[in-house]
Amino acid sequence: MFSNGQLIFGLLFFIVFVIIIGFQYRKNLKLHKQHYKGTIWILIAFIAFIGMIAAIKFIFM
C-alpha cells in the first residue's frame, strides 16, 4: 500500500511534529494557565452531554 520511503517519511514527520508541538506547548504553558482557567469544566460538560445522548439512544432502542 505504501512504499518503505513513504512509511519512513510519515514516521519521521510524526515524530518531529509531536516534538515541535510539545516544545511550543511548554513554551506557552504560563499563558495557557493564565488565559484558559476553568476550561476543564467545559470539557467535562461536553463529555457528560455526549454520554447522556448515548444513554438516551441505548435506553430507547
Protein backbone atom coordinates (compact mmCIF):
# COMPACT_ATOMS: atom_id res chain seq x y z
CA MET A 1 0.00 0.00 0.00
CA PHE A 2 2.79 2.41 0.95
CA SER A 3 6.40 2.20 -0.09
CA ASN A 4 9.16 1.98 2.51
CA GLY A 5 10.18 5.57 1.79
CA GLN A 6 6.65 6.83 2.40
CA LEU A 7 6.40 4.93 5.68
CA ILE A 8 9.75 6.25 6.89
CA PHE A 9 8.81 9.80 5.90
CA GLY A 10 5.44 9.52 7.66
CA LEU A 11 7.02 8.17 10.82
CA LEU A 12 9.75 10.82 10.92
CA PHE A 13 7.24 13.57 10.16
CA PHE A 14 5.01 12.41 13.02
CA ILE A 15 7.90 12.23 15.50
CA VAL A 16 9.23 15.70 14.59
CA PHE A 17 5.72 17.16 14.61
CA VAL A 18 4.99 15.83 18.11
CA ILE A 19 8.35 17.11 19.42
CA ILE A 20 7.76 20.61 18.00
CA ILE A 21 4.20 20.76 19.35
CA GLY A 22 5.48 19.63 22.76
CA PHE A 23 8.14 22.35 22.86
CA GLN A 24 5.67 25.03 21.81
CA TYR A 25 3.17 23.91 24.45
CA ARG A 26 5.81 24.00 27.20
CA LYS A 27 6.95 27.42 25.98
CA ASN A 28 3.42 28.84 26.29
CA LEU A 29 2.36 26.90 29.41
CA LYS A 30 2.32 30.05 31.58
CA LEU A 31 -0.01 31.81 29.14
CA HIS A 32 -2.26 28.74 28.87
CA LYS A 33 -2.72 28.64 32.64
CA GLN A 34 -3.49 32.36 32.70
CA HIS A 35 -5.96 32.57 29.80
CA TYR A 36 -7.65 29.17 29.88
CA LYS A 37 -8.65 28.77 33.52
CA GLY A 38 -11.77 26.71 34.05
CA THR A 39 -11.85 25.12 30.61
CA ILE A 40 -11.75 21.66 32.21
CA TRP A 41 -15.38 22.20 33.24
CA ILE A 42 -16.38 22.78 29.63
CA LEU A 43 -14.66 19.52 28.67
CA ILE A 44 -16.43 17.65 31.47
CA ALA A 45 -19.80 19.12 30.46
CA PHE A 46 -19.22 18.16 26.81
CA ILE A 47 -18.29 14.58 27.71
CA ALA A 48 -21.32 14.34 30.01
CA PHE A 49 -23.59 15.64 27.24
CA ILE A 50 -22.27 13.09 24.75
CA GLY A 51 -22.66 10.36 27.39
CA MET A 52 -26.24 11.48 28.01
CA ILE A 53 -27.05 11.31 24.31
CA ALA A 54 -25.53 7.82 24.09
CA ALA A 55 -27.51 6.69 27.17
CA ILE A 56 -30.77 8.00 25.71
CA LYS A 57 -30.03 6.19 22.46
CA PHE A 58 -29.47 2.88 24.23
CA ILE A 59 -32.50 3.30 26.50
CA PHE A 60 -34.95 3.96 23.67
CA MET A 61 -33.64 1.39 21.20
